[in-house]
């Protein structure tokens, strides 16, 4: 199975890692249009990387978002803030929860989180291709074709993790 991840941010890396953990034989490629990956992680929390929220009570956390509480409870039932903290800590990246429930790496340096995500993708054999922006996506029979400036590639699955866009 060939799987493309469009977007080289935290969500793209995390998606690629989980795909490879669940489907080890899959060929997974992350496409990032810029030359740098995880750039928002680098500056998050003033360069310390605010990893997640320290509130581990799903009901309490979801109540902070009344319009999306039901969807958040569903999502956090699958993978919660506690799961996130356990995931990083199980890879040797200790975390600290501040009084305001912000969670940062013990190192107080976002590079710790970047190194963890990059290391995991390398360990699992995820391919990283930077400087390659996706110009279009279209279904071709039972597959999905990604169009680039001067080429295209076909995948069985595509995960789009590009975040918001002002366009």
C-alpha atoms as a PDB file:
ATOM      1  CA  UNK A   1       0.000   0.000   0.000  1.00  0.00           C
ATOM      2  CA  UNK A   2       1.284   3.461  -0.931  1.00  0.00           C
ATOM      3  CA  UNK A   3       0.224   6.293   1.361  1.00  0.00           C
ATOM      4  CA  UNK A   4       0.930   9.996   0.877  1.00  0.00           C
ATOM      5  CA  UNK A   5       0.865  12.523   3.679  1.00  0.00           C
ATOM      6  CA  UNK A   6       0.448  16.081   2.392  1.00  0.00           C
ATOM      7  CA  UNK A   7       1.987  18.445   4.943  1.00  0.00           C
ATOM      8  CA  UNK A   8       5.184  18.171   6.969  1.00  0.00           C
ATOM      9  CA  UNK A   9       3.932  19.589  10.240  1.00  0.00           C
ATOM     10  CA  UNK A  10       3.196  17.855  13.532  1.00  0.00           C
ATOM     11  CA  UNK A  11      -0.040  16.301  12.239  1.00  0.00           C
ATOM     12  CA  UNK A  12       1.692  15.003   9.116  1.00  0.00           C
ATOM     13  CA  UNK A  13       4.530  13.429  11.059  1.00  0.00           C
ATOM     14  CA  UNK A  14       2.202  11.973  13.670  1.00  0.00           C
ATOM     15  CA  UNK A  15      -0.046  10.541  10.934  1.00  0.00           C
ATOM     16  CA  UNK A  16       2.895   9.005   9.096  1.00  0.00           C
ATOM     17  CA  UNK A  17       4.220   7.428  12.297  1.00  0.00           C
ATOM     18  CA  UNK A  18       0.857   5.916  13.171  1.00  0.00           C
ATOM     19  CA  UNK A  19       0.306   4.610   9.647  1.00  0.00           C
ATOM     20  CA  UNK A  20       3.699   2.840   9.715  1.00  0.00           C
ATOM     21  CA  UNK A  21       3.067   1.460  13.217  1.00  0.00           C
ATOM     22  CA  UNK A  22      -0.278   0.017  12.091  1.00  0.00           C
ATOM     23  CA  UNK A  23       0.757  -0.952   8.539  1.00  0.00           C
ATOM     24  CA  UNK A  24       4.512  -1.651   8.683  1.00  0.00           C
ATOM     25  CA  UNK A  25       4.680  -2.797   5.051  1.00  0.00           C
ATOM     26  CA  UNK A  26       3.091   0.380   3.711  1.00  0.00           C
ATOM     27  CA  UNK A  27       5.236   2.803   1.721  1.00  0.00           C
ATOM     28  CA  UNK A  28       4.606   6.174   3.396  1.00  0.00           C
ATOM     29  CA  UNK A  29       5.761   9.503   1.969  1.00  0.00           C
ATOM     30  CA  UNK A  30       5.437  12.938   3.580  1.00  0.00           C
ATOM     31  CA  UNK A  31       5.287  15.807   1.050  1.00  0.00           C
ATOM     32  CA  UNK A  32       6.140  19.287   2.363  1.00  0.00           C
ATOM     33  CA  UNK A  33       6.068  22.275   0.012  1.00  0.00           C
ATOM     34  CA  UNK A  34       8.718  24.237   1.916  1.00  0.00           C
ATOM     35  CA  UNK A  35      12.282  23.148   2.576  1.00  0.00           C
ATOM     36  CA  UNK A  36      11.682  22.947   6.338  1.00  0.00           C
ATOM     37  CA  UNK A  37       9.422  20.587   8.240  1.00  0.00           C
ATOM     38  CA  UNK A  38       7.880  21.096  11.664  1.00  0.00           C
ATOM     39  CA  UNK A  39       8.439  24.864  11.521  1.00  0.00           C
ATOM     40  CA  UNK A  40       5.407  25.678  13.678  1.00  0.00           C
ATOM     41  CA  UNK A  41       6.529  23.143  16.271  1.00  0.00           C
ATOM     42  CA  UNK A  42       9.852  24.990  16.405  1.00  0.00           C
ATOM     43  CA  UNK A  43       8.215  28.281  17.413  1.00  0.00           C
ATOM     44  CA  UNK A  44       5.309  26.905  19.450  1.00  0.00           C
ATOM     45  CA  UNK A  45       5.251  28.019  23.055  1.00  0.00           C
ATOM     46  CA  UNK A  46       7.931  30.618  22.464  1.00  0.00           C
ATOM     47  CA  UNK A  47      10.361  27.979  21.230  1.00  0.00           C
ATOM     48  CA  UNK A  48       9.563  25.554  24.042  1.00  0.00           C
ATOM     49  CA  UNK A  49       6.748  23.689  22.180  1.00  0.00           C
ATOM     50  CA  UNK A  50       3.425  23.585  23.967  1.00  0.00           C
ATOM     51  CA  UNK A  51       2.828  19.868  23.333  1.00  0.00           C
ATOM     52  CA  UNK A  52      -0.742  19.508  24.600  1.00  0.00           C
ATOM     53  CA  UNK A  53      -3.100  20.471  27.402  1.00  0.00           C
ATOM     54  CA  UNK A  54      -2.492  18.948  30.825  1.00  0.00           C
ATOM     55  CA  UNK A  55      -6.185  18.364  31.483  1.00  0.00           C
ATOM     56  CA  UNK A  56      -6.717  14.612  31.153  1.00  0.00           C
ATOM     57  CA  UNK A  57     -10.442  14.605  31.983  1.00  0.00           C
ATOM     58  CA  UNK A  58     -12.087  14.349  28.556  1.00  0.00           C
ATOM     59  CA  UNK A  59     -15.437  15.719  29.751  1.00  0.00           C
ATOM     60  CA  UNK A  60     -13.825  18.718  31.458  1.00  0.00           C
ATOM     61  CA  UNK A  61     -11.575  19.487  28.502  1.00  0.00           C
ATOM     62  CA  UNK A  62     -14.378  19.236  25.933  1.00  0.00           C
ATOM     63  CA  UNK A  63     -16.573  21.611  27.969  1.00  0.00           C
ATOM     64  CA  UNK A  64     -14.057  24.367  27.236  1.00  0.00           C
ATOM     65  CA  UNK A  65     -15.274  24.158  23.603  1.00  0.00           C
ATOM     66  CA  UNK A  66     -19.110  24.180  23.827  1.00  0.00           C
ATOM     67  CA  UNK A  67     -19.735  24.269  20.047  1.00  0.00           C
ATOM     68  CA  UNK A  68     -17.470  21.283  19.434  1.00  0.00           C
ATOM     69  CA  UNK A  69     -17.760  19.410  22.726  1.00  0.00           C
ATOM     70  CA  UNK A  70     -19.464  16.319  21.297  1.00  0.00           C
ATOM     71  CA  UNK A  71     -16.920  15.878  18.487  1.00  0.00           C
ATOM     72  CA  UNK A  72     -14.038  16.494  20.877  1.00  0.00           C
ATOM     73  CA  UNK A  73     -15.324  13.862  23.322  1.00  0.00           C
ATOM     74  CA  UNK A  74     -15.468  11.385  20.452  1.00  0.00           C
ATOM     75  CA  UNK A  75     -11.967  12.250  19.241  1.00  0.00           C
ATOM     76  CA  UNK A  76     -10.454  12.275  22.734  1.00  0.00           C
ATOM     77  CA  UNK A  77     -12.082   8.903  23.389  1.00  0.00           C
ATOM     78  CA  UNK A  78      -9.750   7.544  20.708  1.00  0.00           C
ATOM     79  CA  UNK A  79      -6.627   9.593  21.449  1.00  0.00           C
ATOM     80  CA  UNK A  80      -6.608  12.002  24.381  1.00  0.00           C
ATOM     81  CA  UNK A  81      -4.173  14.464  25.882  1.00  0.00           C
ATOM     82  CA  UNK A  82      -3.120  11.672  28.255  1.00  0.00           C
ATOM     83  CA  UNK A  83      -2.359   9.426  25.265  1.00  0.00           C
ATOM     84  CA  UNK A  84      -0.275  12.242  23.759  1.00  0.00           C
ATOM     85  CA  UNK A  85       1.748  12.668  26.938  1.00  0.00           C
ATOM     86  CA  UNK A  86       2.239   8.898  27.291  1.00  0.00           C
ATOM     87  CA  UNK A  87       3.335   8.663  23.644  1.00  0.00           C
ATOM     88  CA  UNK A  88       6.135  11.209  24.016  1.00  0.00           C
ATOM     89  CA  UNK A  89       7.213   9.978  27.438  1.00  0.00           C
ATOM     90  CA  UNK A  90       7.402   6.379  26.197  1.00  0.00           C
ATOM     91  CA  UNK A  91      10.003   7.594  23.696  1.00  0.00           C
ATOM     92  CA  UNK A  92      12.166   9.129  26.393  1.00  0.00           C
ATOM     93  CA  UNK A  93      10.909  12.683  26.043  1.00  0.00           C
ATOM     94  CA  UNK A  94       9.902  13.693  29.550  1.00  0.00           C
ATOM     95  CA  UNK A  95       7.182  16.302  29.844  1.00  0.00           C
ATOM     96  CA  UNK A  96       6.218  18.803  32.500  1.00  0.00           C
ATOM     97  CA  UNK A  97       2.699  20.129  33.201  1.00  0.00           C
ATOM     98  CA  UNK A  98       2.652  23.754  34.287  1.00  0.00           C
ATOM     99  CA  UNK A  99       0.092  25.266  36.686  1.00  0.00           C
ATOM    100  CA  UNK A 100      -1.865  26.644  33.704  1.00  0.00           C
ATOM    101  CA  UNK A 101      -2.094  23.089  32.244  1.00  0.00           C
ATOM    102  CA  UNK A 102       0.340  23.829  29.411  1.00  0.00           C
ATOM    103  CA  UNK A 103       2.542  20.809  28.722  1.00  0.00           C
ATOM    104  CA  UNK A 104       6.144  21.334  27.628  1.00  0.00           C
ATOM    105  CA  UNK A 105       9.146  19.036  27.177  1.00  0.00           C
ATOM    106  CA  UNK A 106      11.316  18.896  30.303  1.00  0.00           C
ATOM    107  CA  UNK A 107      14.122  20.298  28.173  1.00  0.00           C
ATOM    108  CA  UNK A 108      12.012  23.451  27.625  1.00  0.00           C
ATOM    109  CA  UNK A 109      13.205  23.275  24.026  1.00  0.00           C
ATOM    110  CA  UNK A 110      10.993  22.535  21.004  1.00  0.00           C
ATOM    111  CA  UNK A 111      13.919  20.778  19.317  1.00  0.00           C
ATOM    112  CA  UNK A 112      13.326  17.844  21.689  1.00  0.00           C
ATOM    113  CA  UNK A 113       9.886  17.272  20.151  1.00  0.00           C
ATOM    114  CA  UNK A 114      11.147  17.827  16.606  1.00  0.00           C
ATOM    115  CA  UNK A 115      13.964  15.318  17.143  1.00  0.00           C
ATOM    116  CA  UNK A 116      11.498  12.767  18.513  1.00  0.00           C
ATOM    117  CA  UNK A 117       9.138  13.043  15.532  1.00  0.00           C
ATOM    118  CA  UNK A 118      11.949  13.001  12.960  1.00  0.00           C
ATOM    119  CA  UNK A 119      13.656  10.079  14.700  1.00  0.00           C
ATOM    120  CA  UNK A 120      10.456   8.028  14.735  1.00  0.00           C
ATOM    121  CA  UNK A 121       9.803   8.597  11.028  1.00  0.00           C
ATOM    122  CA  UNK A 122      13.379   7.630  10.201  1.00  0.00           C
ATOM    123  CA  UNK A 123      13.227   4.522  12.395  1.00  0.00           C
ATOM    124  CA  UNK A 124      10.015   3.433  10.672  1.00  0.00           C
ATOM    125  CA  UNK A 125      11.256   4.149   7.137  1.00  0.00           C
ATOM    126  CA  UNK A 126       8.938   7.027   6.277  1.00  0.00           C
ATOM    127  CA  UNK A 127      10.145   8.918   3.196  1.00  0.00           C
ATOM    128  CA  UNK A 128      10.342  12.707   3.540  1.00  0.00           C
ATOM    129  CA  UNK A 129      10.228  14.879   0.409  1.00  0.00           C
ATOM    130  CA  UNK A 130      10.607  18.613   0.926  1.00  0.00           C
ATOM    131  CA  UNK A 131      10.261  21.407  -1.592  1.00  0.00           C
ATOM    132  CA  UNK A 132       7.431  19.561  -3.317  1.00  0.00           C
ATOM    133  CA  UNK A 133       4.034  21.225  -3.267  1.00  0.00           C
ATOM    134  CA  UNK A 134       0.919  19.348  -4.270  1.00  0.00           C
ATOM    135  CA  UNK A 135      -0.952  21.221  -7.005  1.00  0.00           C
ATOM    136  CA  UNK A 136      -3.927  18.893  -7.302  1.00  0.00           C
ATOM    137  CA  UNK A 137      -5.528  15.691  -6.137  1.00  0.00           C
ATOM    138  CA  UNK A 138      -7.819  13.530  -8.222  1.00  0.00           C
ATOM    139  CA  UNK A 139      -9.279  10.064  -8.102  1.00  0.00           C
ATOM    140  CA  UNK A 140      -7.995   7.678 -10.781  1.00  0.00           C
ATOM    141  CA  UNK A 141      -9.910   4.399 -10.702  1.00  0.00           C
ATOM    142  CA  UNK A 142      -9.455   3.062  -7.153  1.00  0.00           C
ATOM    143  CA  UNK A 143      -6.376   5.191  -6.451  1.00  0.00           C
ATOM    144  CA  UNK A 144      -5.570   8.847  -5.836  1.00  0.00           C
ATOM    145  CA  UNK A 145      -3.255  10.856  -8.056  1.00  0.00           C
ATOM    146  CA  UNK A 146      -1.243  13.715  -6.615  1.00  0.00           C
ATOM    147  CA  UNK A 147      -0.251  16.350  -9.165  1.00  0.00           C
ATOM    148  CA  UNK A 148       2.952  18.322  -8.689  1.00  0.00           C
ATOM    149  CA  UNK A 149       4.416  21.122 -10.824  1.00  0.00           C
ATOM    150  CA  UNK A 150       5.993  18.791 -13.374  1.00  0.00           C
ATOM    151  CA  UNK A 151       4.922  15.277 -12.402  1.00  0.00           C
ATOM    152  CA  UNK A 152       2.316  13.136 -10.726  1.00  0.00           C
ATOM    153  CA  UNK A 153       2.280  10.065  -8.497  1.00  0.00           C
ATOM    154  CA  UNK A 154      -0.452   7.592  -7.639  1.00  0.00           C
ATOM    155  CA  UNK A 155      -1.220   6.417  -4.105  1.00  0.00           C
ATOM    156  CA  UNK A 156      -3.710   4.081  -2.483  1.00  0.00           C
ATOM    157  CA  UNK A 157      -4.484   6.538   0.307  1.00  0.00           C
ATOM    158  CA  UNK A 158      -3.808  10.238   0.939  1.00  0.00           C
ATOM    159  CA  UNK A 159      -3.892  12.057   4.272  1.00  0.00           C
ATOM    160  CA  UNK A 160      -4.049  15.851   4.052  1.00  0.00           C
ATOM    161  CA  UNK A 161      -2.549  17.637   7.065  1.00  0.00           C
ATOM    162  CA  UNK A 162      -2.024  21.119   5.693  1.00  0.00           C
ATOM    163  CA  UNK A 163      -3.919  22.961   8.411  1.00  0.00           C
ATOM    164  CA  UNK A 164      -5.899  26.078   7.679  1.00  0.00           C
ATOM    165  CA  UNK A 165      -5.498  28.182   4.592  1.00  0.00           C
ATOM    166  CA  UNK A 166      -6.358  31.852   4.097  1.00  0.00           C
ATOM    167  CA  UNK A 167      -7.417  30.915   0.557  1.00  0.00           C
END
